[in-house]
Amino acid sequence: MDVSVAIPHCAIPSHTNPDRTVPRALLSILRIYVGVILFISDLGKLTRNNPFVDEMLRFLRGVTTRRASAPYLHFVQQVVIPHAGLFSYLIMTGEAFAALSLLTGTLTRLGATVAGFLFLNYMLAEGRTLWSPDSEDAALIFIALVLFLGHAGRAWGIDSFLAKRWPNSPLW
């Protein structure tokens, strides 16, 4: 008696068979979504009446009352707070770069990396973890990871032109 069981074919997605992959055009929706979030966040920091460094310091002093991990708390107290002016400019520059990168699809992998790093720090400063059910930052970290792995700028972005010119570059 011949008993055979049909096992569904599970193959690693390849770019040659469009039936097995998510179209990059769908990743453009996520790319633009995260870019808009970062753009609005950065615009708010740049257009407020009081300097962003003041608000950042108020927020970071509250890190001690949240459930931030001991190493991150030490980092905030010993490195970030004493150099708050520098870190406020780094945050605003990082948000601006990631926003423009994701909105235009230029150097998208680098922009997604910067965005993921920013969201990771926001999450840690709030005392949350990747598995916190109320952490929108965790969701944005995973979206940034998907954008990085999916080369999201190659659809409806400048990266598509750059990839044709330099196809082996890891930047796009």
N, C-alpha and C. Protein backbone atom coordinates (compact mmCIF):
# COMPACT_ATOMS: atom_id res chain seq x y z
N MET A 1 0.84 -1.16 0.00
CA MET A 1 0.00 0.00 0.00
C MET A 1 0.90 1.23 0.00
N ASP A 2 0.65 2.10 -0.95
CA ASP A 2 1.46 3.30 -1.10
C ASP A 2 0.74 4.47 -0.45
N VAL A 3 1.31 4.97 0.64
CA VAL A 3 0.74 6.11 1.35
C VAL A 3 1.67 7.29 1.13
N SER A 4 1.15 8.29 0.48
CA SER A 4 1.96 9.48 0.28
C SER A 4 1.20 10.69 0.78
N VAL A 5 1.95 11.58 1.32
CA VAL A 5 1.38 12.80 1.87
C VAL A 5 1.92 13.97 1.05
N ALA A 6 1.02 14.80 0.62
CA ALA A 6 1.44 15.98 -0.14
C ALA A 6 1.88 17.07 0.83
N ILE A 7 3.10 17.46 0.70
CA ILE A 7 3.64 18.53 1.54
C ILE A 7 3.71 19.79 0.68
N PRO A 8 3.14 20.86 1.17
CA PRO A 8 3.20 22.10 0.38
C PRO A 8 4.65 22.50 0.15
N HIS A 9 4.89 23.03 -1.03
CA HIS A 9 6.23 23.45 -1.40
C HIS A 9 6.55 24.76 -0.69
N CYS A 10 7.60 24.75 0.11
CA CYS A 10 8.05 25.95 0.81
C CYS A 10 9.42 26.32 0.28
N ALA A 11 9.44 27.29 -0.54
CA ALA A 11 10.72 27.72 -1.12
C ALA A 11 11.07 29.11 -0.61
N ILE A 12 12.33 29.37 -0.61
CA ILE A 12 12.78 30.71 -0.27
C ILE A 12 12.36 31.63 -1.40
N PRO A 13 11.73 32.74 -1.05
CA PRO A 13 11.28 33.64 -2.12
C PRO A 13 12.43 34.08 -3.01
N SER A 14 12.16 34.03 -4.28
CA SER A 14 13.16 34.50 -5.23
C SER A 14 12.58 35.67 -6.01
N HIS A 15 13.44 36.47 -6.55
CA HIS A 15 12.97 37.63 -7.31
C HIS A 15 12.59 37.25 -8.73
N THR A 16 12.78 35.99 -9.09
CA THR A 16 12.43 35.58 -10.44
C THR A 16 10.99 35.12 -10.55
N ASN A 17 10.37 34.73 -9.47
CA ASN A 17 9.00 34.26 -9.49
C ASN A 17 8.13 35.22 -8.69
N PRO A 18 7.36 36.08 -9.34
CA PRO A 18 6.58 37.08 -8.62
C PRO A 18 5.44 36.49 -7.80
N ASP A 19 5.09 35.22 -8.03
CA ASP A 19 4.01 34.61 -7.25
C ASP A 19 4.44 34.29 -5.83
N ARG A 20 5.73 34.26 -5.57
CA ARG A 20 6.22 33.87 -4.25
C ARG A 20 6.72 35.04 -3.42
N THR A 21 6.62 36.23 -3.89
CA THR A 21 7.13 37.39 -3.16
C THR A 21 6.07 38.47 -3.04
N VAL A 22 6.28 39.31 -2.08
CA VAL A 22 5.41 40.48 -1.93
C VAL A 22 5.94 41.54 -2.88
N PRO A 23 5.09 42.12 -3.68
CA PRO A 23 5.58 43.17 -4.58
C PRO A 23 6.18 44.34 -3.80
N ARG A 24 7.28 44.83 -4.30
CA ARG A 24 7.95 45.95 -3.63
C ARG A 24 7.05 47.19 -3.58
N ALA A 25 6.14 47.27 -4.52
CA ALA A 25 5.24 48.43 -4.52
C ALA A 25 4.44 48.49 -3.22
N LEU A 26 4.12 47.33 -2.64
CA LEU A 26 3.41 47.33 -1.35
C LEU A 26 4.31 47.85 -0.24
N LEU A 27 5.60 47.58 -0.34
CA LEU A 27 6.53 48.10 0.66
C LEU A 27 6.63 49.62 0.58
N SER A 28 6.33 50.18 -0.57
CA SER A 28 6.36 51.63 -0.70
C SER A 28 5.34 52.30 0.20
N ILE A 29 4.23 51.63 0.43
CA ILE A 29 3.22 52.17 1.34
C ILE A 29 3.80 52.30 2.74
N LEU A 30 4.46 51.24 3.21
CA LEU A 30 5.09 51.29 4.53
C LEU A 30 6.22 52.31 4.57
N ARG A 31 7.00 52.37 3.50
CA ARG A 31 8.12 53.30 3.43
C ARG A 31 7.63 54.74 3.56
N ILE A 32 6.60 55.08 2.83
CA ILE A 32 6.07 56.44 2.87
C ILE A 32 5.40 56.72 4.22
N TYR A 33 4.73 55.72 4.78
CA TYR A 33 4.09 55.85 6.10
C TYR A 33 5.11 56.22 7.17
N VAL A 34 6.20 55.47 7.24
CA VAL A 34 7.23 55.74 8.25
C VAL A 34 7.90 57.08 7.96
N GLY A 35 8.12 57.40 6.69
CA GLY A 35 8.70 58.68 6.34
C GLY A 35 7.84 59.85 6.78
N VAL A 36 6.53 59.73 6.63
CA VAL A 36 5.62 60.80 7.06
C VAL A 36 5.65 60.94 8.58
N ILE A 37 5.66 59.82 9.30
CA ILE A 37 5.74 59.87 10.77
C ILE A 37 6.99 60.63 11.20
N LEU A 38 8.13 60.28 10.62
CA LEU A 38 9.38 60.95 10.99
C LEU A 38 9.39 62.42 10.58
N PHE A 39 8.83 62.72 9.41
CA PHE A 39 8.78 64.10 8.94
C PHE A 39 7.94 64.96 9.88
N ILE A 40 6.77 64.47 10.27
CA ILE A 40 5.89 65.23 11.17
C ILE A 40 6.55 65.39 12.53
N SER A 41 7.19 64.34 13.01
CA SER A 41 7.88 64.42 14.30
C SER A 41 9.00 65.45 14.27
N ASP A 42 9.79 65.43 13.22
CA ASP A 42 10.90 66.38 13.10
C ASP A 42 10.39 67.80 12.89
N LEU A 43 9.36 67.96 12.11
CA LEU A 43 8.79 69.29 11.87
C LEU A 43 8.31 69.90 13.19
N GLY A 44 7.70 69.08 14.03
CA GLY A 44 7.26 69.57 15.34
C GLY A 44 8.41 70.03 16.21
N LYS A 45 9.54 69.33 16.13
CA LYS A 45 10.71 69.72 16.92
C LYS A 45 11.32 71.03 16.40
N LEU A 46 11.28 71.23 15.10
CA LEU A 46 11.89 72.41 14.50
C LEU A 46 11.04 73.67 14.61
N THR A 47 9.73 73.54 14.73
CA THR A 47 8.85 74.70 14.70
C THR A 47 8.29 75.10 16.07
N ARG A 48 8.70 74.46 17.11
CA ARG A 48 8.16 74.80 18.44
C ARG A 48 8.82 76.06 18.97
N ASN A 49 8.16 76.67 19.95
CA ASN A 49 8.66 77.92 20.53
C ASN A 49 9.91 77.68 21.39
N ASN A 50 9.88 76.65 22.23
CA ASN A 50 11.03 76.38 23.08
C ASN A 50 11.95 75.37 22.39
N PRO A 51 13.24 75.41 22.66
CA PRO A 51 14.16 74.49 22.01
C PRO A 51 13.84 73.03 22.34
N PHE A 52 14.09 72.16 21.38
CA PHE A 52 13.82 70.73 21.57
C PHE A 52 14.63 70.15 22.71
N VAL A 53 15.82 70.68 22.96
CA VAL A 53 16.67 70.14 24.01
C VAL A 53 15.98 70.23 25.37
N ASP A 54 15.19 71.28 25.61
CA ASP A 54 14.49 71.42 26.89
C ASP A 54 13.46 70.31 27.06
N GLU A 55 12.68 70.07 26.03
CA GLU A 55 11.68 69.00 26.11
C GLU A 55 12.34 67.63 26.23
N MET A 56 13.45 67.44 25.51
CA MET A 56 14.16 66.16 25.58
C MET A 56 14.68 65.91 26.99
N LEU A 57 15.22 66.94 27.63
CA LEU A 57 15.72 66.78 29.00
C LEU A 57 14.60 66.46 29.98
N ARG A 58 13.45 67.11 29.83
CA ARG A 58 12.31 66.80 30.69
C ARG A 58 11.91 65.33 30.52
N PHE A 59 11.87 64.89 29.27
CA PHE A 59 11.51 63.50 29.00
C PHE A 59 12.54 62.54 29.59
N LEU A 60 13.81 62.83 29.37
CA LEU A 60 14.86 61.91 29.83
C LEU A 60 14.99 61.87 31.34
N ARG A 61 14.68 62.95 32.01
CA ARG A 61 14.70 62.92 33.48
C ARG A 61 13.59 62.03 34.00
N GLY A 62 12.55 61.85 33.22
CA GLY A 62 11.47 60.94 33.60
C GLY A 62 11.80 59.49 33.33
N VAL A 63 12.91 59.22 32.63
CA VAL A 63 13.31 57.84 32.36
C VAL A 63 13.53 57.09 33.66
N THR A 64 13.99 57.78 34.70
CA THR A 64 14.25 57.12 35.97
C THR A 64 12.96 56.62 36.61
N THR A 65 11.83 57.25 36.31
CA THR A 65 10.56 56.80 36.89
C THR A 65 9.92 55.69 36.06
N ARG A 66 10.41 55.49 34.84
CA ARG A 66 9.89 54.40 34.01
C ARG A 66 10.68 53.14 34.29
N ARG A 67 10.32 52.07 33.65
CA ARG A 67 10.99 50.79 33.86
C ARG A 67 12.13 50.58 32.88
N ALA A 68 12.93 51.60 32.64
CA ALA A 68 14.05 51.47 31.70
C ALA A 68 15.08 50.51 32.27
N SER A 69 15.74 49.77 31.40
CA SER A 69 16.75 48.81 31.85
C SER A 69 17.93 49.56 32.48
N ALA A 70 18.61 48.88 33.38
CA ALA A 70 19.74 49.50 34.09
C ALA A 70 20.84 49.99 33.15
N PRO A 71 21.26 49.19 32.13
CA PRO A 71 22.30 49.70 31.24
C PRO A 71 21.84 50.93 30.44
N TYR A 72 20.59 50.92 29.99
CA TYR A 72 20.12 52.07 29.22
C TYR A 72 19.98 53.29 30.13
N LEU A 73 19.52 53.09 31.34
CA LEU A 73 19.40 54.18 32.30
C LEU A 73 20.78 54.78 32.58
N HIS A 74 21.78 53.94 32.76
CA HIS A 74 23.15 54.42 32.98
C HIS A 74 23.63 55.23 31.77
N PHE A 75 23.37 54.72 30.56
CA PHE A 75 23.75 55.43 29.33
C PHE A 75 23.09 56.81 29.27
N VAL A 76 21.81 56.87 29.58
CA VAL A 76 21.09 58.15 29.53
C VAL A 76 21.66 59.12 30.55
N GLN A 77 21.89 58.65 31.77
CA GLN A 77 22.35 59.55 32.83
C GLN A 77 23.81 59.98 32.65
N GLN A 78 24.66 59.10 32.16
CA GLN A 78 26.09 59.40 32.08
C GLN A 78 26.53 59.98 30.74
N VAL A 79 25.78 59.72 29.67
CA VAL A 79 26.21 60.16 28.35
C VAL A 79 25.23 61.16 27.72
N VAL A 80 23.96 60.80 27.67
CA VAL A 80 23.00 61.62 26.93
C VAL A 80 22.69 62.93 27.66
N ILE A 81 22.34 62.87 28.93
CA ILE A 81 21.95 64.09 29.65
C ILE A 81 23.10 65.10 29.72
N PRO A 82 24.35 64.69 30.02
CA PRO A 82 25.42 65.69 30.02
C PRO A 82 25.69 66.31 28.64
N HIS A 83 25.34 65.62 27.58
CA HIS A 83 25.55 66.12 26.22
C HIS A 83 24.21 66.30 25.50
N ALA A 84 23.25 66.84 26.21
CA ALA A 84 21.88 66.93 25.68
C ALA A 84 21.79 67.77 24.42
N GLY A 85 22.54 68.85 24.34
CA GLY A 85 22.49 69.69 23.13
C GLY A 85 22.91 68.92 21.90
N LEU A 86 24.01 68.18 22.01
CA LEU A 86 24.49 67.37 20.89
C LEU A 86 23.46 66.30 20.51
N PHE A 87 22.93 65.60 21.50
CA PHE A 87 21.99 64.53 21.21
C PHE A 87 20.67 65.06 20.64
N SER A 88 20.26 66.26 21.04
CA SER A 88 19.03 66.81 20.45
C SER A 88 19.23 67.10 18.97
N TYR A 89 20.41 67.59 18.59
CA TYR A 89 20.70 67.82 17.16
C TYR A 89 20.85 66.49 16.41
N LEU A 90 21.45 65.50 17.06
CA LEU A 90 21.58 64.19 16.42
C LEU A 90 20.21 63.57 16.16
N ILE A 91 19.30 63.71 17.10
CA ILE A 91 17.95 63.16 16.93
C ILE A 91 17.23 63.88 15.79
N MET A 92 17.28 65.20 15.79
CA MET A 92 16.60 65.95 14.73
C MET A 92 17.22 65.67 13.36
N THR A 93 18.54 65.57 13.30
CA THR A 93 19.21 65.27 12.03
C THR A 93 18.87 63.85 11.57
N GLY A 94 18.89 62.90 12.50
CA GLY A 94 18.55 61.52 12.16
C GLY A 94 17.12 61.39 11.65
N GLU A 95 16.19 62.07 12.33
CA GLU A 95 14.80 62.03 11.88
C GLU A 95 14.64 62.68 10.51
N ALA A 96 15.32 63.79 10.29
CA ALA A 96 15.21 64.48 8.99
C ALA A 96 15.81 63.60 7.88
N PHE A 97 16.99 63.01 8.14
CA PHE A 97 17.60 62.16 7.13
C PHE A 97 16.72 60.95 6.82
N ALA A 98 16.25 60.26 7.86
CA ALA A 98 15.42 59.07 7.64
C ALA A 98 14.12 59.43 6.93
N ALA A 99 13.51 60.57 7.30
CA ALA A 99 12.26 60.98 6.67
C ALA A 99 12.47 61.25 5.18
N LEU A 100 13.48 62.04 4.85
CA LEU A 100 13.74 62.35 3.44
C LEU A 100 14.14 61.10 2.66
N SER A 101 14.93 60.26 3.28
CA SER A 101 15.35 59.02 2.62
C SER A 101 14.15 58.13 2.31
N LEU A 102 13.27 57.95 3.29
CA LEU A 102 12.13 57.06 3.08
C LEU A 102 11.08 57.69 2.17
N LEU A 103 10.87 58.98 2.27
CA LEU A 103 9.87 59.62 1.42
C LEU A 103 10.28 59.64 -0.05
N THR A 104 11.57 59.82 -0.31
CA THR A 104 12.02 59.88 -1.70
C THR A 104 12.52 58.54 -2.23
N GLY A 105 12.72 57.59 -1.34
CA GLY A 105 13.24 56.29 -1.77
C GLY A 105 14.71 56.36 -2.13
N THR A 106 15.44 57.25 -1.47
CA THR A 106 16.87 57.42 -1.72
C THR A 106 17.66 56.88 -0.54
N LEU A 107 18.62 55.98 -0.81
CA LEU A 107 19.38 55.34 0.26
C LEU A 107 18.43 54.77 1.32
N THR A 108 17.42 54.07 0.85
CA THR A 108 16.35 53.61 1.71
C THR A 108 16.83 52.65 2.79
N ARG A 109 17.77 51.80 2.45
CA ARG A 109 18.27 50.84 3.45
C ARG A 109 18.96 51.58 4.60
N LEU A 110 19.72 52.60 4.28
CA LEU A 110 20.37 53.40 5.31
C LEU A 110 19.33 54.19 6.11
N GLY A 111 18.36 54.76 5.42
CA GLY A 111 17.29 55.49 6.10
C GLY A 111 16.48 54.60 7.02
N ALA A 112 16.21 53.37 6.59
CA ALA A 112 15.46 52.43 7.43
C ALA A 112 16.29 52.03 8.65
N THR A 113 17.60 51.91 8.48
CA THR A 113 18.47 51.58 9.61
C THR A 113 18.47 52.71 10.64
N VAL A 114 18.58 53.95 10.17
CA VAL A 114 18.55 55.10 11.07
C VAL A 114 17.20 55.17 11.78
N ALA A 115 16.12 54.97 11.04
CA ALA A 115 14.78 55.00 11.64
C ALA A 115 14.63 53.90 12.69
N GLY A 116 15.08 52.70 12.38
CA GLY A 116 15.00 51.61 13.35
C GLY A 116 15.79 51.90 14.61
N PHE A 117 16.98 52.50 14.46
CA PHE A 117 17.80 52.86 15.61
C PHE A 117 17.11 53.93 16.45
N LEU A 118 16.52 54.93 15.81
CA LEU A 118 15.79 55.96 16.55
C LEU A 118 14.61 55.36 17.31
N PHE A 119 13.82 54.53 16.64
CA PHE A 119 12.66 53.94 17.30
C PHE A 119 13.07 53.00 18.43
N LEU A 120 14.19 52.31 18.27
CA LEU A 120 14.69 51.45 19.35
C LEU A 120 15.03 52.29 20.58
N ASN A 121 15.69 53.41 20.38
CA ASN A 121 16.03 54.28 21.51
C ASN A 121 14.79 54.90 22.14
N TYR A 122 13.82 55.29 21.33
CA TYR A 122 12.57 55.82 21.89
C TYR A 122 11.89 54.77 22.75
N MET A 123 11.87 53.53 22.26
CA MET A 123 11.23 52.44 22.99
C MET A 123 11.95 52.17 24.31
N LEU A 124 13.27 52.11 24.27
CA LEU A 124 14.04 51.84 25.49
C LEU A 124 13.89 52.98 26.49
N ALA A 125 13.83 54.21 26.02
CA ALA A 125 13.67 55.36 26.92
C ALA A 125 12.30 55.34 27.60
N GLU A 126 11.32 54.75 26.95
CA GLU A 126 9.99 54.63 27.55
C GLU A 126 9.88 53.44 28.48
N GLY A 127 10.95 52.64 28.56
CA GLY A 127 10.93 51.47 29.44
C GLY A 127 10.13 50.32 28.88
N ARG A 128 10.02 50.24 27.58
CA ARG A 128 9.24 49.18 26.94
C ARG A 128 10.18 48.18 26.29
N THR A 129 9.60 47.05 25.90
CA THR A 129 10.35 46.01 25.23
C THR A 129 9.70 45.72 23.88
N LEU A 130 10.37 44.90 23.09
CA LEU A 130 9.83 44.56 21.76
C LEU A 130 8.49 43.85 21.86
N TRP A 131 8.25 43.16 22.94
CA TRP A 131 7.01 42.40 23.06
C TRP A 131 5.95 43.12 23.89
N SER A 132 6.17 44.41 24.19
CA SER A 132 5.16 45.19 24.89
C SER A 132 3.96 45.41 23.96
N PRO A 133 2.76 45.04 24.41
CA PRO A 133 1.61 45.17 23.51
C PRO A 133 1.22 46.62 23.21
N ASP A 134 1.68 47.55 24.01
CA ASP A 134 1.32 48.95 23.78
C ASP A 134 2.47 49.77 23.21
N SER A 135 3.47 49.11 22.64
CA SER A 135 4.63 49.81 22.11
C SER A 135 4.52 49.97 20.60
N GLU A 136 4.12 51.17 20.17
CA GLU A 136 4.09 51.42 18.73
C GLU A 136 5.50 51.52 18.17
N ASP A 137 6.46 51.87 19.03
CA ASP A 137 7.84 51.92 18.57
C ASP A 137 8.34 50.54 18.16
N ALA A 138 7.93 49.51 18.87
CA ALA A 138 8.33 48.14 18.50
C ALA A 138 7.80 47.80 17.11
N ALA A 139 6.57 48.16 16.83
CA ALA A 139 6.00 47.90 15.51
C ALA A 139 6.78 48.66 14.44
N LEU A 140 7.17 49.89 14.73
CA LEU A 140 7.92 50.68 13.76
C LEU A 140 9.33 50.14 13.56
N ILE A 141 9.90 49.53 14.59
CA ILE A 141 11.21 48.89 14.44
C ILE A 141 11.10 47.74 13.44
N PHE A 142 10.06 46.93 13.58
CA PHE A 142 9.89 45.81 12.66
C PHE A 142 9.55 46.28 11.24
N ILE A 143 8.79 47.36 11.13
CA ILE A 143 8.53 47.92 9.80
C ILE A 143 9.83 48.40 9.16
N ALA A 144 10.68 49.06 9.94
CA ALA A 144 11.98 49.51 9.43
C ALA A 144 12.83 48.32 8.99
N LEU A 145 12.76 47.23 9.73
CA LEU A 145 13.50 46.02 9.36
C LEU A 145 12.98 45.45 8.03
N VAL A 146 11.67 45.43 7.86
CA VAL A 146 11.08 44.95 6.61
C VAL A 146 11.49 45.85 5.45
N LEU A 147 11.50 47.16 5.67
CA LEU A 147 11.91 48.09 4.62
C LEU A 147 13.37 47.86 4.25
N PHE A 148 14.21 47.60 5.24
CA PHE A 148 15.62 47.34 4.99
C PHE A 148 15.80 46.05 4.19
N LEU A 149 15.18 44.98 4.66
CA LEU A 149 15.35 43.68 4.00
C LEU A 149 14.69 43.63 2.63
N GLY A 150 13.61 44.38 2.44
CA GLY A 150 12.88 44.35 1.18
C GLY A 150 13.36 45.33 0.13
N HIS A 151 14.42 46.07 0.42
CA HIS A 151 14.92 47.06 -0.54
C HIS A 151 13.76 47.94 -1.03
N ALA A 152 13.04 48.52 -0.09
CA ALA A 152 11.79 49.20 -0.40
C ALA A 152 11.94 50.40 -1.32
N GLY A 153 13.10 50.97 -1.42
CA GLY A 153 13.28 52.13 -2.29
C GLY A 153 13.37 51.79 -3.76
N ARG A 154 13.44 50.50 -4.08
CA ARG A 154 13.56 50.11 -5.48
C ARG A 154 12.21 50.14 -6.21
N ALA A 155 11.16 50.43 -5.51
CA ALA A 155 9.85 50.62 -6.15
C ALA A 155 9.42 52.06 -5.86
N TRP A 156 9.17 52.80 -6.88
CA TRP A 156 8.71 54.18 -6.78
C TRP A 156 9.69 55.03 -5.98
N GLY A 157 10.96 54.78 -6.13
CA GLY A 157 11.95 55.57 -5.42
C GLY A 157 13.19 55.78 -6.27
N ILE A 158 14.02 56.68 -5.84
CA ILE A 158 15.26 56.98 -6.56
C ILE A 158 16.20 55.78 -6.53
N ASP A 159 16.08 54.95 -5.50
CA ASP A 159 16.93 53.75 -5.43
C ASP A 159 16.76 52.84 -6.64
N SER A 160 15.61 52.86 -7.28
CA SER A 160 15.42 52.00 -8.46
C SER A 160 16.36 52.42 -9.59
N PHE A 161 16.57 53.72 -9.74
CA PHE A 161 17.51 54.21 -10.76
C PHE A 161 18.95 53.93 -10.35
N LEU A 162 19.25 54.10 -9.07
CA LEU A 162 20.59 53.83 -8.58
C LEU A 162 20.94 52.34 -8.69
N ALA A 163 19.95 51.48 -8.45
CA ALA A 163 20.19 50.04 -8.53
C ALA A 163 20.45 49.58 -9.96
N LYS A 164 19.88 50.28 -10.93
CA LYS A 164 20.17 49.95 -12.33
C LYS A 164 21.60 50.34 -12.70
N ARG A 165 22.05 51.45 -12.14
CA ARG A 165 23.40 51.94 -12.44
C ARG A 165 24.46 51.15 -11.69
N TRP A 166 24.21 50.88 -10.40
CA TRP A 166 25.14 50.13 -9.56
C TRP A 166 24.39 48.98 -8.89
N PRO A 167 24.16 47.89 -9.59
CA PRO A 167 23.29 46.82 -9.08
C PRO A 167 23.82 46.06 -7.86
N ASN A 168 25.11 46.09 -7.61
CA ASN A 168 25.66 45.31 -6.50
C ASN A 168 25.86 46.12 -5.22
N SER A 169 25.41 47.35 -5.20
CA SER A 169 25.60 48.18 -4.01
C SER A 169 24.64 47.76 -2.90
N PRO A 170 25.11 47.63 -1.67
CA PRO A 170 24.23 47.27 -0.56
C PRO A 170 23.40 48.44 -0.04
N LEU A 171 23.64 49.64 -0.55
CA LEU A 171 22.93 50.82 -0.05
C LEU A 171 21.49 50.90 -0.53
N TRP A 172 21.21 50.31 -1.66
CA TRP A 172 19.84 50.34 -2.19
C TRP A 172 19.46 48.98 -2.61
